[in-house]
Amino acid sequence: MITIEDHQIYGGMGSAVAELLAKKCPKKIEMLGVNDSFGESGTKEELYKKHHLTSKNIILAVREVMR
């Protein structure tokens, strides 16, 4: 399972999915998002690149989880 969110991963959608999976169907989960960082300014593209949320990064994460 991979969750992708364009904000903090802690306390976000990935955390909610992880809680549900832990109770119902334990699975490996990879959470992509902003990793414990304060708000920043920049274009969407700049921030996605900085926080590894580009389509290339998502594809690499999927491949890693699928191994």
C-alpha atoms as a PDB file:
ATOM      1  CA  MET A   1       0.000   0.000   0.000  1.00  0.00           C
ATOM      2  CA  ILE A   2       1.296   3.434  -0.904  1.00  0.00           C
ATOM      3  CA  THR A   3      -0.292   6.675   0.203  1.00  0.00           C
ATOM      4  CA  ILE A   4       0.630   9.990  -1.372  1.00  0.00           C
ATOM      5  CA  GLU A   5      -0.264  13.348   0.130  1.00  0.00           C
ATOM      6  CA  ASP A   6       1.005  16.854  -0.475  1.00  0.00           C
ATOM      7  CA  HIS A   7       1.239  17.771   3.195  1.00  0.00           C
ATOM      8  CA  GLN A   8       2.624  16.324   6.449  1.00  0.00           C
ATOM      9  CA  ILE A   9       2.555  12.528   6.543  1.00  0.00           C
ATOM     10  CA  TYR A  10       2.296  12.440  10.333  1.00  0.00           C
ATOM     11  CA  GLY A  11      -1.331  12.538  11.370  1.00  0.00           C
ATOM     12  CA  GLY A  12      -2.471  12.619   7.745  1.00  0.00           C
ATOM     13  CA  MET A  13      -4.206  10.230   5.392  1.00  0.00           C
ATOM     14  CA  GLY A  14      -1.314   7.747   5.456  1.00  0.00           C
ATOM     15  CA  SER A  15      -1.558   7.491   9.224  1.00  0.00           C
ATOM     16  CA  ALA A  16      -5.301   6.840   9.030  1.00  0.00           C
ATOM     17  CA  VAL A  17      -4.779   4.134   6.394  1.00  0.00           C
ATOM     18  CA  ALA A  18      -1.987   2.564   8.482  1.00  0.00           C
ATOM     19  CA  GLU A  19      -4.248   2.445  11.551  1.00  0.00           C
ATOM     20  CA  LEU A  20      -7.018   0.757   9.592  1.00  0.00           C
ATOM     21  CA  LEU A  21      -4.665  -1.766   7.991  1.00  0.00           C
ATOM     22  CA  ALA A  22      -3.038  -2.563  11.340  1.00  0.00           C
ATOM     23  CA  LYS A  23      -6.423  -3.564  12.747  1.00  0.00           C
ATOM     24  CA  LYS A  24      -8.003  -5.268   9.753  1.00  0.00           C
ATOM     25  CA  CYS A  25      -5.309  -6.504   7.408  1.00  0.00           C
ATOM     26  CA  PRO A  26      -1.642  -5.831   8.299  1.00  0.00           C
ATOM     27  CA  LYS A  27       0.283  -4.877   5.166  1.00  0.00           C
ATOM     28  CA  LYS A  28       3.469  -3.079   4.269  1.00  0.00           C
ATOM     29  CA  ILE A  29       2.749   0.621   3.768  1.00  0.00           C
ATOM     30  CA  GLU A  30       4.849   3.378   2.250  1.00  0.00           C
ATOM     31  CA  MET A  31       3.778   6.956   2.963  1.00  0.00           C
ATOM     32  CA  LEU A  32       4.927   9.641   0.557  1.00  0.00           C
ATOM     33  CA  GLY A  33       4.481  13.242   1.634  1.00  0.00           C
ATOM     34  CA  VAL A  34       6.119  16.088   3.466  1.00  0.00           C
ATOM     35  CA  ASN A  35       8.313  14.510   6.111  1.00  0.00           C
ATOM     36  CA  ASP A  36       8.183  16.631   9.288  1.00  0.00           C
ATOM     37  CA  SER A  37       8.852  20.026   7.710  1.00  0.00           C
ATOM     38  CA  PHE A  38       7.467  23.496   8.378  1.00  0.00           C
ATOM     39  CA  GLY A  39       5.489  25.334   5.706  1.00  0.00           C
ATOM     40  CA  GLU A  40       7.502  26.621   2.778  1.00  0.00           C
ATOM     41  CA  SER A  41       6.961  28.867  -0.210  1.00  0.00           C
ATOM     42  CA  GLY A  42       7.547  27.908  -3.810  1.00  0.00           C
ATOM     43  CA  THR A  43       5.784  26.677  -6.889  1.00  0.00           C
ATOM     44  CA  LYS A  44       3.987  23.370  -6.737  1.00  0.00           C
ATOM     45  CA  GLU A  45       6.646  21.843  -8.977  1.00  0.00           C
ATOM     46  CA  GLU A  46       9.514  23.102  -6.787  1.00  0.00           C
ATOM     47  CA  LEU A  47       7.934  21.808  -3.595  1.00  0.00           C
ATOM     48  CA  TYR A  48       6.990  18.438  -5.105  1.00  0.00           C
ATOM     49  CA  LYS A  49      10.576  18.009  -6.303  1.00  0.00           C
ATOM     50  CA  LYS A  50      12.017  18.992  -2.905  1.00  0.00           C
ATOM     51  CA  HIS A  51       9.768  16.558  -1.043  1.00  0.00           C
ATOM     52  CA  HIS A  52      10.133  13.731  -3.605  1.00  0.00           C
ATOM     53  CA  LEU A  53       6.505  13.822  -4.764  1.00  0.00           C
ATOM     54  CA  THR A  54       7.073  13.969  -8.522  1.00  0.00           C
ATOM     55  CA  SER A  55       5.681  11.279 -10.791  1.00  0.00           C
ATOM     56  CA  LYS A  56       9.209   9.857 -11.106  1.00  0.00           C
ATOM     57  CA  ASN A  57       9.508   9.554  -7.307  1.00  0.00           C
ATOM     58  CA  ILE A  58       6.094   7.911  -7.074  1.00  0.00           C
ATOM     59  CA  ILE A  59       7.011   5.343  -9.735  1.00  0.00           C
ATOM     60  CA  LEU A  60      10.275   4.553  -7.893  1.00  0.00           C
ATOM     61  CA  ALA A  61       8.375   4.087  -4.623  1.00  0.00           C
ATOM     62  CA  VAL A  62       5.863   1.760  -6.276  1.00  0.00           C
ATOM     63  CA  ARG A  63       8.660  -0.322  -7.779  1.00  0.00           C
ATOM     64  CA  GLU A  64      10.413  -0.543  -4.406  1.00  0.00           C
ATOM     65  CA  VAL A  65       7.262  -1.673  -2.624  1.00  0.00           C
ATOM     66  CA  MET A  66       6.509  -4.230  -5.342  1.00  0.00           C
ATOM     67  CA  ARG A  67       9.890  -5.966  -4.855  1.00  0.00           C
END
